[in-house]
Amino acid sequence: MNIEEQFDILYPILNNISPISKKNWDIAKVHFSTKTLNQGDHLFYMEDRVDDFYFLITGLARYYYLTVEGKEFNKSFAEKQGHLLSSISSVSHGTGSPFSVEVLSEFTTLHISYKKLLELGAHYKEWNDLLLRIYENLVIKKERREEDFLLLNASERYEKFLEDYSMIEAVVPNYHIASYLGITDVALSRIRKEMKLT
């Protein structure tokens, strides 16, 4: 897939989040680059300084934290076209990312530097509005995840995972899913057996 085909995928997705005229899109396109990774590669590691916003074109990825003991905890997954992958604390404050992003399948993104996005936002209201909508969506997603952990039991969290990540469930190992749900592999196996999924 060439970069113009990738732009054809990304533009309507961003335009749906917040309207961007073709003129303003064409102005911004020259600042995007494409990046392709293979399964097992990392988009970035914990403690790396992240400078870009990466928008998913094809593939799957997981965000995960790593404890000092070497235990991994999955934060989130990326599987929908247009999904933003980045570390907001890193791009905005120049600090190391608190988590890593591992690629789970052949993976392509279009990326643009956060600094350039801010410059576009300063000159063109449409890009500023898009950034605002993106941040709002990230906050809403975080609130819903916190709500799920506080109000849903493990079985209910798994059912919601199956609704939200239908594409991922079939290809991601159960131990990754269990980590995301905050339960053990054994507990997930028991839930799957109760739901007659095994």
C-alpha atoms as a PDB file:
ATOM      1  CA  MET A   1       0.000   0.000   0.000  1.00  0.00           C
ATOM      2  CA  ASN A   2       1.530   3.328  -1.033  1.00  0.00           C
ATOM      3  CA  ILE A   3       1.346   6.477   1.044  1.00  0.00           C
ATOM      4  CA  GLU A   4      -1.455   8.026  -1.024  1.00  0.00           C
ATOM      5  CA  GLU A   5      -3.618   4.975  -0.353  1.00  0.00           C
ATOM      6  CA  GLN A   6      -2.811   5.360   3.335  1.00  0.00           C
ATOM      7  CA  PHE A   7      -3.867   9.017   3.187  1.00  0.00           C
ATOM      8  CA  ASP A   8      -7.133   7.910   1.559  1.00  0.00           C
ATOM      9  CA  ILE A   9      -7.778   5.730   4.629  1.00  0.00           C
ATOM     10  CA  LEU A  10      -6.770   8.283   7.274  1.00  0.00           C
ATOM     11  CA  TYR A  11      -8.376  11.463   5.947  1.00  0.00           C
ATOM     12  CA  PRO A  12     -12.057  10.409   6.259  1.00  0.00           C
ATOM     13  CA  ILE A  13     -11.384   9.016   9.744  1.00  0.00           C
ATOM     14  CA  LEU A  14      -9.862  12.275  11.000  1.00  0.00           C
ATOM     15  CA  ASN A  15     -12.467  14.301   9.136  1.00  0.00           C
ATOM     16  CA  ASN A  16     -15.161  12.342  10.980  1.00  0.00           C
ATOM     17  CA  ILE A  17     -13.560  13.165  14.348  1.00  0.00           C
ATOM     18  CA  SER A  18     -13.476  16.868  13.471  1.00  0.00           C
ATOM     19  CA  PRO A  19     -13.991  18.401  10.005  1.00  0.00           C
ATOM     20  CA  ILE A  20     -10.824  19.187   8.020  1.00  0.00           C
ATOM     21  CA  SER A  21     -11.096  20.834   4.619  1.00  0.00           C
ATOM     22  CA  LYS A  22      -9.265  19.256   1.703  1.00  0.00           C
ATOM     23  CA  LYS A  23      -7.175  22.421   1.508  1.00  0.00           C
ATOM     24  CA  ASN A  24      -5.989  22.109   5.106  1.00  0.00           C
ATOM     25  CA  TRP A  25      -5.487  18.364   4.683  1.00  0.00           C
ATOM     26  CA  ASP A  26      -3.269  18.935   1.641  1.00  0.00           C
ATOM     27  CA  ILE A  27      -1.247  21.500   3.607  1.00  0.00           C
ATOM     28  CA  ALA A  28      -0.621  18.963   6.379  1.00  0.00           C
ATOM     29  CA  LYS A  29       0.017  15.873   4.248  1.00  0.00           C
ATOM     30  CA  VAL A  30       3.611  16.867   3.441  1.00  0.00           C
ATOM     31  CA  HIS A  31       4.439  16.629   7.153  1.00  0.00           C
ATOM     32  CA  PHE A  32       3.323  12.987   7.487  1.00  0.00           C
ATOM     33  CA  SER A  33       5.571   9.959   6.990  1.00  0.00           C
ATOM     34  CA  THR A  34       4.760   6.268   6.811  1.00  0.00           C
ATOM     35  CA  LYS A  35       6.253   3.577   9.040  1.00  0.00           C
ATOM     36  CA  THR A  36       5.934  -0.196   8.687  1.00  0.00           C
ATOM     37  CA  LEU A  37       6.877  -2.697  11.399  1.00  0.00           C
ATOM     38  CA  ASN A  38       6.797  -6.487  11.734  1.00  0.00           C
ATOM     39  CA  GLN A  39       5.194  -8.645  14.411  1.00  0.00           C
ATOM     40  CA  GLY A  40       7.275  -8.488  17.582  1.00  0.00           C
ATOM     41  CA  ASP A  41       8.792  -5.072  16.797  1.00  0.00           C
ATOM     42  CA  HIS A  42       8.208  -2.105  19.066  1.00  0.00           C
ATOM     43  CA  LEU A  43       6.896   1.260  17.980  1.00  0.00           C
ATOM     44  CA  PHE A  44       8.626   2.617  21.071  1.00  0.00           C
ATOM     45  CA  TYR A  45       9.812   1.336  24.436  1.00  0.00           C
ATOM     46  CA  MET A  46       9.203   2.507  27.976  1.00  0.00           C
ATOM     47  CA  GLU A  47      11.541   5.438  28.763  1.00  0.00           C
ATOM     48  CA  ASP A  48      11.894   6.347  25.070  1.00  0.00           C
ATOM     49  CA  ARG A  49      11.134   9.965  24.266  1.00  0.00           C
ATOM     50  CA  VAL A  50       8.196   9.984  21.866  1.00  0.00           C
ATOM     51  CA  ASP A  51       7.969  12.915  19.434  1.00  0.00           C
ATOM     52  CA  ASP A  52       5.204  11.804  17.068  1.00  0.00           C
ATOM     53  CA  PHE A  53       1.530  11.003  16.843  1.00  0.00           C
ATOM     54  CA  TYR A  54       1.142   7.661  15.020  1.00  0.00           C
ATOM     55  CA  PHE A  55      -2.162   6.873  13.317  1.00  0.00           C
ATOM     56  CA  LEU A  56      -2.849   3.198  12.670  1.00  0.00           C
ATOM     57  CA  ILE A  57      -3.449   2.192   9.063  1.00  0.00           C
ATOM     58  CA  THR A  58      -3.151  -1.603   9.323  1.00  0.00           C
ATOM     59  CA  GLY A  59      -2.231  -4.053  12.071  1.00  0.00           C
ATOM     60  CA  LEU A  60      -2.548  -4.705  15.797  1.00  0.00           C
ATOM     61  CA  ALA A  61      -0.531  -3.459  18.761  1.00  0.00           C
ATOM     62  CA  ARG A  62      -0.583  -3.497  22.530  1.00  0.00           C
ATOM     63  CA  TYR A  63       0.408  -0.884  25.098  1.00  0.00           C
ATOM     64  CA  TYR A  64       2.023  -2.375  28.191  1.00  0.00           C
ATOM     65  CA  TYR A  65       3.715  -1.373  31.430  1.00  0.00           C
ATOM     66  CA  LEU A  66       6.741  -3.242  32.754  1.00  0.00           C
ATOM     67  CA  THR A  67       7.450  -3.467  36.484  1.00  0.00           C
ATOM     68  CA  VAL A  68      10.964  -3.467  37.955  1.00  0.00           C
ATOM     69  CA  GLU A  69      10.462  -7.214  38.525  1.00  0.00           C
ATOM     70  CA  GLY A  70       9.886  -7.676  34.794  1.00  0.00           C
ATOM     71  CA  LYS A  71       6.116  -8.327  34.968  1.00  0.00           C
ATOM     72  CA  GLU A  72       4.050  -6.929  32.110  1.00  0.00           C
ATOM     73  CA  PHE A  73       0.622  -5.320  32.452  1.00  0.00           C
ATOM     74  CA  ASN A  74      -1.359  -4.540  29.302  1.00  0.00           C
ATOM     75  CA  LYS A  75      -2.783  -1.041  29.244  1.00  0.00           C
ATOM     76  CA  SER A  76      -4.647  -1.085  25.960  1.00  0.00           C
ATOM     77  CA  PHE A  77      -4.794  -2.450  22.422  1.00  0.00           C
ATOM     78  CA  ALA A  78      -4.830  -0.745  19.034  1.00  0.00           C
ATOM     79  CA  GLU A  79      -6.696  -2.441  16.193  1.00  0.00           C
ATOM     80  CA  LYS A  80      -8.950   0.113  14.497  1.00  0.00           C
ATOM     81  CA  GLN A  81      -7.820   2.201  11.553  1.00  0.00           C
ATOM     82  CA  GLY A  82      -7.055   5.746  12.621  1.00  0.00           C
ATOM     83  CA  HIS A  83      -6.283   4.721  16.216  1.00  0.00           C
ATOM     84  CA  LEU A  84      -3.792   7.163  17.749  1.00  0.00           C
ATOM     85  CA  LEU A  85      -0.638   5.614  19.204  1.00  0.00           C
ATOM     86  CA  SER A  86       1.596   7.858  21.274  1.00  0.00           C
ATOM     87  CA  SER A  87       2.517   8.838  24.810  1.00  0.00           C
ATOM     88  CA  ILE A  88       0.834  12.119  25.674  1.00  0.00           C
ATOM     89  CA  SER A  89       3.117  12.754  28.652  1.00  0.00           C
ATOM     90  CA  SER A  90       6.180  12.177  26.483  1.00  0.00           C
ATOM     91  CA  VAL A  91       5.182  14.294  23.473  1.00  0.00           C
ATOM     92  CA  SER A  92       3.897  17.150  25.621  1.00  0.00           C
ATOM     93  CA  HIS A  93       6.578  17.240  28.336  1.00  0.00           C
ATOM     94  CA  GLY A  94       9.606  15.675  26.661  1.00  0.00           C
ATOM     95  CA  THR A  95       9.817  12.898  29.245  1.00  0.00           C
ATOM     96  CA  GLY A  96      10.291   9.179  28.657  1.00  0.00           C
ATOM     97  CA  SER A  97       7.187   7.177  27.861  1.00  0.00           C
ATOM     98  CA  PRO A  98       5.799   5.328  30.912  1.00  0.00           C
ATOM     99  CA  PHE A  99       4.864   2.346  28.703  1.00  0.00           C
ATOM    100  CA  SER A 100       5.916   0.415  25.594  1.00  0.00           C
ATOM    101  CA  VAL A 101       4.008  -0.344  22.390  1.00  0.00           C
ATOM    102  CA  GLU A 102       4.589  -3.774  20.834  1.00  0.00           C
ATOM    103  CA  VAL A 103       3.390  -4.703  17.351  1.00  0.00           C
ATOM    104  CA  LEU A 104       1.281  -7.898  17.244  1.00  0.00           C
ATOM    105  CA  SER A 105       1.001  -8.236  13.455  1.00  0.00           C
ATOM    106  CA  GLU A 106       2.344  -6.592  10.317  1.00  0.00           C
ATOM    107  CA  PHE A 107       1.806  -2.950  11.090  1.00  0.00           C
ATOM    108  CA  THR A 108       1.654   0.350   9.194  1.00  0.00           C
ATOM    109  CA  THR A 109       1.150   3.875  10.508  1.00  0.00           C
ATOM    110  CA  LEU A 110       1.142   7.418   9.225  1.00  0.00           C
ATOM    111  CA  HIS A 111       2.925   9.675  11.687  1.00  0.00           C
ATOM    112  CA  ILE A 112       3.488  13.366  12.212  1.00  0.00           C
ATOM    113  CA  SER A 113       5.502  15.194  14.832  1.00  0.00           C
ATOM    114  CA  TYR A 114       3.491  16.556  17.747  1.00  0.00           C
ATOM    115  CA  LYS A 115       5.368  19.847  17.397  1.00  0.00           C
ATOM    116  CA  LYS A 116       4.202  20.144  13.784  1.00  0.00           C
ATOM    117  CA  LEU A 117       0.602  19.371  14.815  1.00  0.00           C
ATOM    118  CA  LEU A 118       0.754  22.205  17.340  1.00  0.00           C
ATOM    119  CA  GLU A 119       2.104  24.530  14.648  1.00  0.00           C
ATOM    120  CA  LEU A 120      -0.732  23.521  12.324  1.00  0.00           C
ATOM    121  CA  GLY A 121      -3.200  24.125  15.154  1.00  0.00           C
ATOM    122  CA  ALA A 122      -1.771  27.590  15.744  1.00  0.00           C
ATOM    123  CA  HIS A 123      -2.314  28.539  12.084  1.00  0.00           C
ATOM    124  CA  TYR A 124      -5.466  26.596  11.196  1.00  0.00           C
ATOM    125  CA  LYS A 125      -8.430  26.323  13.550  1.00  0.00           C
ATOM    126  CA  GLU A 126      -9.496  22.989  12.029  1.00  0.00           C
ATOM    127  CA  TRP A 127      -6.297  21.294  13.196  1.00  0.00           C
ATOM    128  CA  ASN A 128      -6.622  22.835  16.641  1.00  0.00           C
ATOM    129  CA  ASP A 129     -10.209  21.564  16.825  1.00  0.00           C
ATOM    130  CA  LEU A 130      -9.057  18.075  15.772  1.00  0.00           C
ATOM    131  CA  LEU A 131      -6.454  17.983  18.545  1.00  0.00           C
ATOM    132  CA  LEU A 132      -9.098  19.019  21.066  1.00  0.00           C
ATOM    133  CA  ARG A 133     -11.472  16.258  19.889  1.00  0.00           C
ATOM    134  CA  ILE A 134      -8.646  13.690  20.032  1.00  0.00           C
ATOM    135  CA  TYR A 135      -7.840  14.663  23.623  1.00  0.00           C
ATOM    136  CA  GLU A 136     -11.515  14.537  24.576  1.00  0.00           C
ATOM    137  CA  ASN A 137     -11.800  11.020  23.135  1.00  0.00           C
ATOM    138  CA  LEU A 138      -8.708   9.885  25.046  1.00  0.00           C
ATOM    139  CA  VAL A 139     -10.107  11.231  28.336  1.00  0.00           C
ATOM    140  CA  ILE A 140     -13.475   9.543  27.716  1.00  0.00           C
ATOM    141  CA  LYS A 141     -11.749   6.233  26.941  1.00  0.00           C
ATOM    142  CA  LYS A 142      -9.715   6.501  30.168  1.00  0.00           C
ATOM    143  CA  GLU A 143     -12.831   7.297  32.221  1.00  0.00           C
ATOM    144  CA  ARG A 144     -14.673   4.285  30.805  1.00  0.00           C
ATOM    145  CA  ARG A 145     -11.756   1.959  31.540  1.00  0.00           C
ATOM    146  CA  GLU A 146     -11.603   3.189  35.146  1.00  0.00           C
ATOM    147  CA  GLU A 147     -15.372   2.755  35.451  1.00  0.00           C
ATOM    148  CA  ASP A 148     -15.137  -0.817  34.163  1.00  0.00           C
ATOM    149  CA  PHE A 149     -12.481  -1.729  36.729  1.00  0.00           C
ATOM    150  CA  LEU A 150     -14.448  -0.210  39.573  1.00  0.00           C
ATOM    151  CA  LEU A 151     -17.967  -1.336  38.688  1.00  0.00           C
ATOM    152  CA  LEU A 152     -17.708  -4.544  36.646  1.00  0.00           C
ATOM    153  CA  ASN A 153     -16.637  -7.989  37.793  1.00  0.00           C
ATOM    154  CA  ALA A 154     -14.068  -9.996  35.824  1.00  0.00           C
ATOM    155  CA  SER A 155     -16.674 -11.821  33.713  1.00  0.00           C
ATOM    156  CA  GLU A 156     -18.400  -8.567  32.810  1.00  0.00           C
ATOM    157  CA  ARG A 157     -15.049  -6.960  31.918  1.00  0.00           C
ATOM    158  CA  TYR A 158     -14.285  -9.898  29.638  1.00  0.00           C
ATOM    159  CA  GLU A 159     -17.688  -9.644  27.944  1.00  0.00           C
ATOM    160  CA  LYS A 160     -17.044  -5.941  27.345  1.00  0.00           C
ATOM    161  CA  PHE A 161     -13.588  -6.759  25.990  1.00  0.00           C
ATOM    162  CA  LEU A 162     -15.177  -9.135  23.481  1.00  0.00           C
ATOM    163  CA  GLU A 163     -17.513  -6.324  22.371  1.00  0.00           C
ATOM    164  CA  ASP A 164     -14.800  -3.654  22.150  1.00  0.00           C
ATOM    165  CA  TYR A 165     -12.000  -5.774  20.685  1.00  0.00           C
ATOM    166  CA  SER A 166     -13.713  -8.412  18.557  1.00  0.00           C
ATOM    167  CA  MET A 167     -10.844  -8.404  16.021  1.00  0.00           C
ATOM    168  CA  ILE A 168      -8.177  -8.853  18.686  1.00  0.00           C
ATOM    169  CA  GLU A 169      -9.698 -11.678  20.731  1.00  0.00           C
ATOM    170  CA  ALA A 170      -9.092 -14.274  18.025  1.00  0.00           C
ATOM    171  CA  VAL A 171      -5.421 -13.446  17.448  1.00  0.00           C
ATOM    172  CA  VAL A 172      -4.056 -12.249  20.811  1.00  0.00           C
ATOM    173  CA  PRO A 173      -2.878 -14.876  23.346  1.00  0.00           C
ATOM    174  CA  ASN A 174      -5.139 -15.283  26.354  1.00  0.00           C
ATOM    175  CA  TYR A 175      -2.383 -14.214  28.754  1.00  0.00           C
ATOM    176  CA  HIS A 176      -2.358 -10.755  27.072  1.00  0.00           C
ATOM    177  CA  ILE A 177      -6.124 -10.517  27.478  1.00  0.00           C
ATOM    178  CA  ALA A 178      -5.945 -11.647  31.109  1.00  0.00           C
ATOM    179  CA  SER A 179      -3.326  -8.984  31.811  1.00  0.00           C
ATOM    180  CA  TYR A 180      -5.527  -6.311  30.238  1.00  0.00           C
ATOM    181  CA  LEU A 181      -8.466  -7.449  32.383  1.00  0.00           C
ATOM    182  CA  GLY A 182      -6.377  -7.450  35.556  1.00  0.00           C
ATOM    183  CA  ILE A 183      -6.859 -11.169  36.217  1.00  0.00           C
ATOM    184  CA  THR A 184      -4.776 -14.339  35.998  1.00  0.00           C
ATOM    185  CA  ASP A 185      -4.669 -16.758  33.062  1.00  0.00           C
ATOM    186  CA  VAL A 186      -6.400 -19.345  35.267  1.00  0.00           C
ATOM    187  CA  ALA A 187      -9.241 -16.962  36.080  1.00  0.00           C
ATOM    188  CA  LEU A 188      -9.724 -16.137  32.393  1.00  0.00           C
ATOM    189  CA  SER A 189      -9.790 -19.838  31.500  1.00  0.00           C
ATOM    190  CA  ARG A 190     -12.483 -20.395  34.125  1.00  0.00           C
ATOM    191  CA  ILE A 191     -14.557 -17.491  32.734  1.00  0.00           C
ATOM    192  CA  ARG A 192     -14.181 -18.793  29.173  1.00  0.00           C
ATOM    193  CA  LYS A 193     -15.269 -22.274  30.308  1.00  0.00           C
ATOM    194  CA  GLU A 194     -18.331 -20.804  32.049  1.00  0.00           C
ATOM    195  CA  MET A 195     -19.167 -18.927  28.830  1.00  0.00           C
ATOM    196  CA  LYS A 196     -18.604 -22.176  26.878  1.00  0.00           C
ATOM    197  CA  LEU A 197     -15.837 -20.576  24.785  1.00  0.00           C
ATOM    198  CA  THR A 198     -13.384 -23.461  25.365  1.00  0.00           C
END
